[in-house]
C-alpha atoms as a PDB file:
ATOM      1  CA  MET A   1       0.000   0.000   0.000  1.00  0.00           C
ATOM      2  CA  LEU A   2       1.488   3.278  -1.061  1.00  0.00           C
ATOM      3  CA  VAL A   3      -1.090   5.706   0.302  1.00  0.00           C
ATOM      4  CA  SER A   4      -3.173   5.064   3.369  1.00  0.00           C
ATOM      5  CA  GLN A   5      -6.830   6.081   3.220  1.00  0.00           C
ATOM      6  CA  ARG A   6      -7.999   8.193   6.188  1.00  0.00           C
ATOM      7  CA  TYR A   7     -11.449   7.603   7.676  1.00  0.00           C
ATOM      8  CA  SER A   8     -13.463   9.695  10.132  1.00  0.00           C
ATOM      9  CA  GLN A   9     -14.989   8.124  13.229  1.00  0.00           C
ATOM     10  CA  SER A  10     -18.469   8.894  11.882  1.00  0.00           C
ATOM     11  CA  GLU A  11     -17.702   7.064   8.631  1.00  0.00           C
ATOM     12  CA  ILE A  12     -16.353   4.044  10.505  1.00  0.00           C
ATOM     13  CA  SER A  13     -19.456   3.937  12.718  1.00  0.00           C
ATOM     14  CA  LEU A  14     -21.525   3.137   9.605  1.00  0.00           C
ATOM     15  CA  HIS A  15     -19.738  -0.218   9.242  1.00  0.00           C
ATOM     16  CA  THR A  16     -20.907  -2.299  12.230  1.00  0.00           C
ATOM     17  CA  THR A  17     -22.975  -5.090  10.657  1.00  0.00           C
ATOM     18  CA  LYS A  18     -22.352  -8.709   9.660  1.00  0.00           C
ATOM     19  CA  LYS A  19     -22.323  -7.648   6.015  1.00  0.00           C
ATOM     20  CA  ASP A  20     -19.930  -4.729   6.560  1.00  0.00           C
ATOM     21  CA  CYS A  21     -17.729  -4.640   9.683  1.00  0.00           C
ATOM     22  CA  TRP A  22     -14.781  -2.317  10.306  1.00  0.00           C
ATOM     23  CA  LEU A  23     -12.606  -2.161  13.422  1.00  0.00           C
ATOM     24  CA  VAL A  24     -10.266   0.538  14.724  1.00  0.00           C
ATOM     25  CA  ILE A  25      -7.221  -0.810  16.549  1.00  0.00           C
ATOM     26  CA  HIS A  26      -4.358   1.520  17.464  1.00  0.00           C
ATOM     27  CA  GLY A  27      -5.700   4.142  15.067  1.00  0.00           C
ATOM     28  CA  LYS A  28      -5.702   1.762  12.119  1.00  0.00           C
ATOM     29  CA  VAL A  29      -8.881   0.736  10.331  1.00  0.00           C
ATOM     30  CA  TYR A  30      -9.473  -2.898   9.397  1.00  0.00           C
ATOM     31  CA  ASP A  31     -12.290  -4.332   7.273  1.00  0.00           C
ATOM     32  CA  VAL A  32     -12.915  -7.643   9.045  1.00  0.00           C
ATOM     33  CA  THR A  33     -16.166  -8.524   7.278  1.00  0.00           C
ATOM     34  CA  THR A  34     -14.710 -11.611   5.614  1.00  0.00           C
ATOM     35  CA  PHE A  35     -13.081 -12.700   8.885  1.00  0.00           C
ATOM     36  CA  LEU A  36     -16.213 -12.601  11.074  1.00  0.00           C
ATOM     37  CA  GLU A  37     -17.079 -16.293  10.670  1.00  0.00           C
ATOM     38  CA  ASP A  38     -13.453 -17.391  11.098  1.00  0.00           C
ATOM     39  CA  HIS A  39     -12.711 -15.420  14.274  1.00  0.00           C
ATOM     40  CA  PRO A  40     -11.942 -17.893  17.102  1.00  0.00           C
ATOM     41  CA  GLY A  41     -13.875 -15.789  19.609  1.00  0.00           C
ATOM     42  CA  GLY A  42     -16.938 -15.647  17.395  1.00  0.00           C
ATOM     43  CA  GLU A  43     -18.388 -12.941  15.209  1.00  0.00           C
ATOM     44  CA  ASP A  44     -20.291 -11.304  18.070  1.00  0.00           C
ATOM     45  CA  VAL A  45     -17.008 -10.271  19.692  1.00  0.00           C
ATOM     46  CA  LEU A  46     -15.953  -8.373  16.577  1.00  0.00           C
ATOM     47  CA  LEU A  47     -19.398  -6.871  16.014  1.00  0.00           C
ATOM     48  CA  HIS A  48     -19.509  -5.650  19.606  1.00  0.00           C
ATOM     49  CA  ALA A  49     -16.009  -4.159  19.283  1.00  0.00           C
ATOM     50  CA  ALA A  50     -17.015  -2.414  16.058  1.00  0.00           C
ATOM     51  CA  ALA A  51     -20.101  -0.957  17.720  1.00  0.00           C
ATOM     52  CA  ASN A  52     -17.968   0.450  20.549  1.00  0.00           C
ATOM     53  CA  GLY A  53     -15.956   2.514  18.066  1.00  0.00           C
ATOM     54  CA  ASP A  54     -12.399   1.669  19.123  1.00  0.00           C
ATOM     55  CA  ALA A  55     -11.419  -1.966  19.633  1.00  0.00           C
ATOM     56  CA  THR A  56      -7.885  -1.264  20.875  1.00  0.00           C
ATOM     57  CA  GLU A  57      -8.560  -1.982  24.545  1.00  0.00           C
ATOM     58  CA  SER A  58     -10.520  -5.163  23.799  1.00  0.00           C
ATOM     59  CA  PHE A  59      -7.779  -6.334  21.454  1.00  0.00           C
ATOM     60  CA  GLU A  60      -5.062  -5.750  24.060  1.00  0.00           C
ATOM     61  CA  GLU A  61      -6.959  -7.412  26.904  1.00  0.00           C
ATOM     62  CA  VAL A  62      -7.199 -10.700  25.028  1.00  0.00           C
ATOM     63  CA  GLY A  63      -3.474 -10.966  24.288  1.00  0.00           C
ATOM     64  CA  HIS A  64      -3.567 -12.114  20.672  1.00  0.00           C
ATOM     65  CA  SER A  65      -0.813 -14.312  19.258  1.00  0.00           C
ATOM     66  CA  SER A  66       1.825 -13.063  16.842  1.00  0.00           C
ATOM     67  CA  THR A  67       0.021 -15.020  14.115  1.00  0.00           C
ATOM     68  CA  ALA A  68      -3.186 -13.107  14.814  1.00  0.00           C
ATOM     69  CA  THR A  69      -1.446  -9.739  14.710  1.00  0.00           C
ATOM     70  CA  SER A  70       0.313 -10.610  11.472  1.00  0.00           C
ATOM     71  CA  MET A  71      -3.043 -11.580   9.933  1.00  0.00           C
ATOM     72  CA  MET A  72      -4.331  -8.081  10.639  1.00  0.00           C
ATOM     73  CA  GLU A  73      -2.192  -6.637   7.862  1.00  0.00           C
ATOM     74  CA  GLY A  74      -4.381  -8.365   5.276  1.00  0.00           C
ATOM     75  CA  TYR A  75      -7.477  -6.549   6.572  1.00  0.00           C
ATOM     76  CA  PHE A  76      -5.902  -3.082   6.862  1.00  0.00           C
ATOM     77  CA  ILE A  77      -7.756  -0.453   4.797  1.00  0.00           C
ATOM     78  CA  GLY A  78      -6.603   2.854   6.278  1.00  0.00           C
ATOM     79  CA  THR A  79      -6.128   5.005   9.346  1.00  0.00           C
ATOM     80  CA  LEU A  80      -8.359   6.959  11.687  1.00  0.00           C
ATOM     81  CA  GLU A  81      -8.429  10.720  11.087  1.00  0.00           C
ATOM     82  CA  GLY A  82      -6.787  12.653  13.881  1.00  0.00           C
ATOM     83  CA  HIS A  83      -4.921   9.667  15.303  1.00  0.00           C
ATOM     84  CA  ALA A  84      -1.195  10.180  15.787  1.00  0.00           C
ATOM     85  CA  ALA A  85       0.864   7.465  14.107  1.00  0.00           C
ATOM     86  CA  SER A  86       2.691   5.305  16.621  1.00  0.00           C
ATOM     87  CA  SER A  87       6.155   3.887  16.170  1.00  0.00           C
ATOM     88  CA  ASP A  88       5.526   0.716  18.205  1.00  0.00           C
ATOM     89  CA  SER A  89       6.399  -1.613  15.357  1.00  0.00           C
ATOM     90  CA  SER A  90       6.875  -1.634  11.612  1.00  0.00           C
ATOM     91  CA  SER A  91       3.431  -3.082  10.911  1.00  0.00           C
ATOM     92  CA  GLY A  92       1.709  -0.868  13.480  1.00  0.00           C
ATOM     93  CA  ALA A  93       0.123  -3.864  15.168  1.00  0.00           C
ATOM     94  CA  PRO A  94       1.799  -4.686  18.459  1.00  0.00           C
ATOM     95  CA  SER A  95       2.672  -8.271  19.228  1.00  0.00           C
ATOM     96  CA  GLY A  96       0.317 -10.337  21.353  1.00  0.00           C
ATOM     97  CA  GLY A  97       2.987 -11.101  23.939  1.00  0.00           C
ATOM     98  CA  ALA A  98       3.923  -7.451  24.358  1.00  0.00           C
ATOM     99  CA  LEU A  99       0.287  -6.487  24.771  1.00  0.00           C
ATOM    100  CA  ARG A 100      -0.324  -9.190  27.350  1.00  0.00           C
ATOM    101  CA  ASN A 101       2.737  -8.126  29.354  1.00  0.00           C
ATOM    102  CA  LYS A 102       1.646  -4.492  29.187  1.00  0.00           C
ATOM    103  CA  ALA A 103      -1.859  -5.387  30.377  1.00  0.00           C
ATOM    104  CA  LEU A 104      -0.465  -7.380  33.310  1.00  0.00           C
ATOM    105  CA  LEU A 105       1.824  -4.521  34.306  1.00  0.00           C
ATOM    106  CA  GLU A 106      -1.033  -2.019  34.160  1.00  0.00           C
ATOM    107  CA  LYS A 107      -3.180  -4.231  36.395  1.00  0.00           C
ATOM    108  CA  LYS A 108      -0.203  -4.675  38.760  1.00  0.00           C
ATOM    109  CA  GLN A 109      -1.044  -8.291  39.379  1.00  0.00           C
ATOM    110  CA  PRO A 110       1.296 -10.122  41.737  1.00  0.00           C
ATOM    111  CA  PRO A 111       3.334 -12.923  40.244  1.00  0.00           C
ATOM    112  CA  SER A 112       1.630 -16.281  40.506  1.00  0.00           C
ATOM    113  CA  SER A 113       4.772 -18.404  40.599  1.00  0.00           C
ATOM    114  CA  GLY A 114       8.336 -18.285  41.803  1.00  0.00           C
ATOM    115  CA  PHE A 115       9.507 -17.294  45.251  1.00  0.00           C
ATOM    116  CA  SER A 116       6.716 -14.946  46.265  1.00  0.00           C
ATOM    117  CA  GLY A 117       3.933 -17.056  44.788  1.00  0.00           C
ATOM    118  CA  PHE A 118       4.877 -20.500  46.113  1.00  0.00           C
ATOM    119  CA  LEU A 119       8.030 -20.646  48.190  1.00  0.00           C
ATOM    120  CA  LEU A 120       7.326 -17.694  50.486  1.00  0.00           C
ATOM    121  CA  PRO A 121       3.992 -19.062  51.758  1.00  0.00           C
ATOM    122  CA  LEU A 122       5.617 -22.486  52.154  1.00  0.00           C
ATOM    123  CA  LEU A 123       8.430 -20.918  54.184  1.00  0.00           C
ATOM    124  CA  VAL A 124       5.931 -19.082  56.418  1.00  0.00           C
ATOM    125  CA  LEU A 125       4.009 -22.331  56.966  1.00  0.00           C
ATOM    126  CA  ALA A 126       7.221 -24.194  57.863  1.00  0.00           C
ATOM    127  CA  LEU A 127       8.200 -21.481  60.364  1.00  0.00           C
ATOM    128  CA  ALA A 128       4.751 -21.572  61.952  1.00  0.00           C
ATOM    129  CA  PHE A 129       4.953 -25.357  62.284  1.00  0.00           C
ATOM    130  CA  ALA A 130       8.470 -25.122  63.788  1.00  0.00           C
ATOM    131  CA  ALA A 131       7.294 -22.528  66.327  1.00  0.00           C
ATOM    132  CA  TRP A 132       4.287 -24.650  67.281  1.00  0.00           C
ATOM    133  CA  TYR A 133       6.447 -27.766  67.634  1.00  0.00           C
ATOM    134  CA  TYR A 134       9.007 -25.929  69.773  1.00  0.00           C
ATOM    135  CA  LEU A 135       6.390 -24.393  72.071  1.00  0.00           C
ATOM    136  CA  THR A 136       4.431 -27.628  72.387  1.00  0.00           C
ATOM    137  CA  TYR A 137       7.111 -30.299  72.853  1.00  0.00           C
ATOM    138  CA  ILE A 138      10.554 -28.838  73.438  1.00  0.00           C
ATOM    139  CA  ASN A 139       9.632 -25.952  75.735  1.00  0.00           C
ATOM    140  CA  VAL A 140       7.555 -28.287  77.978  1.00  0.00           C
ATOM    141  CA  LYS A 141      10.528 -30.594  78.676  1.00  0.00           C
ATOM    142  CA  ALA A 142      12.781 -27.760  79.759  1.00  0.00           C
END
């Protein structure tokens, strides 16, 4: 594509049906009409995202694979008027892994594995058991 077509939000809002569905993700406009039936999450997910106007947040929350983000290029038809171009990546579509990591950081979720997720509670439990054992059996004999 040499020149990117620019679309207004009002023009995009006219394309929210099963026969004509456009999505805006990161300021880029995608015609996903032919992909509706093939979408793993179902066509209703895409139709709902199209009706909301900007599907960027929904797209990021799911954490799409790199294959999914590379497929987006085939549906690209233009950009949203007034949206500043981002320099996140050469294709403009961020990778699924990067989006998932960003979403987890924004939610500030604690890690679910490793020292703080498994070993720390186990250590606390072992110390509690040792204290109970000491106070119950060893301290009585002394």
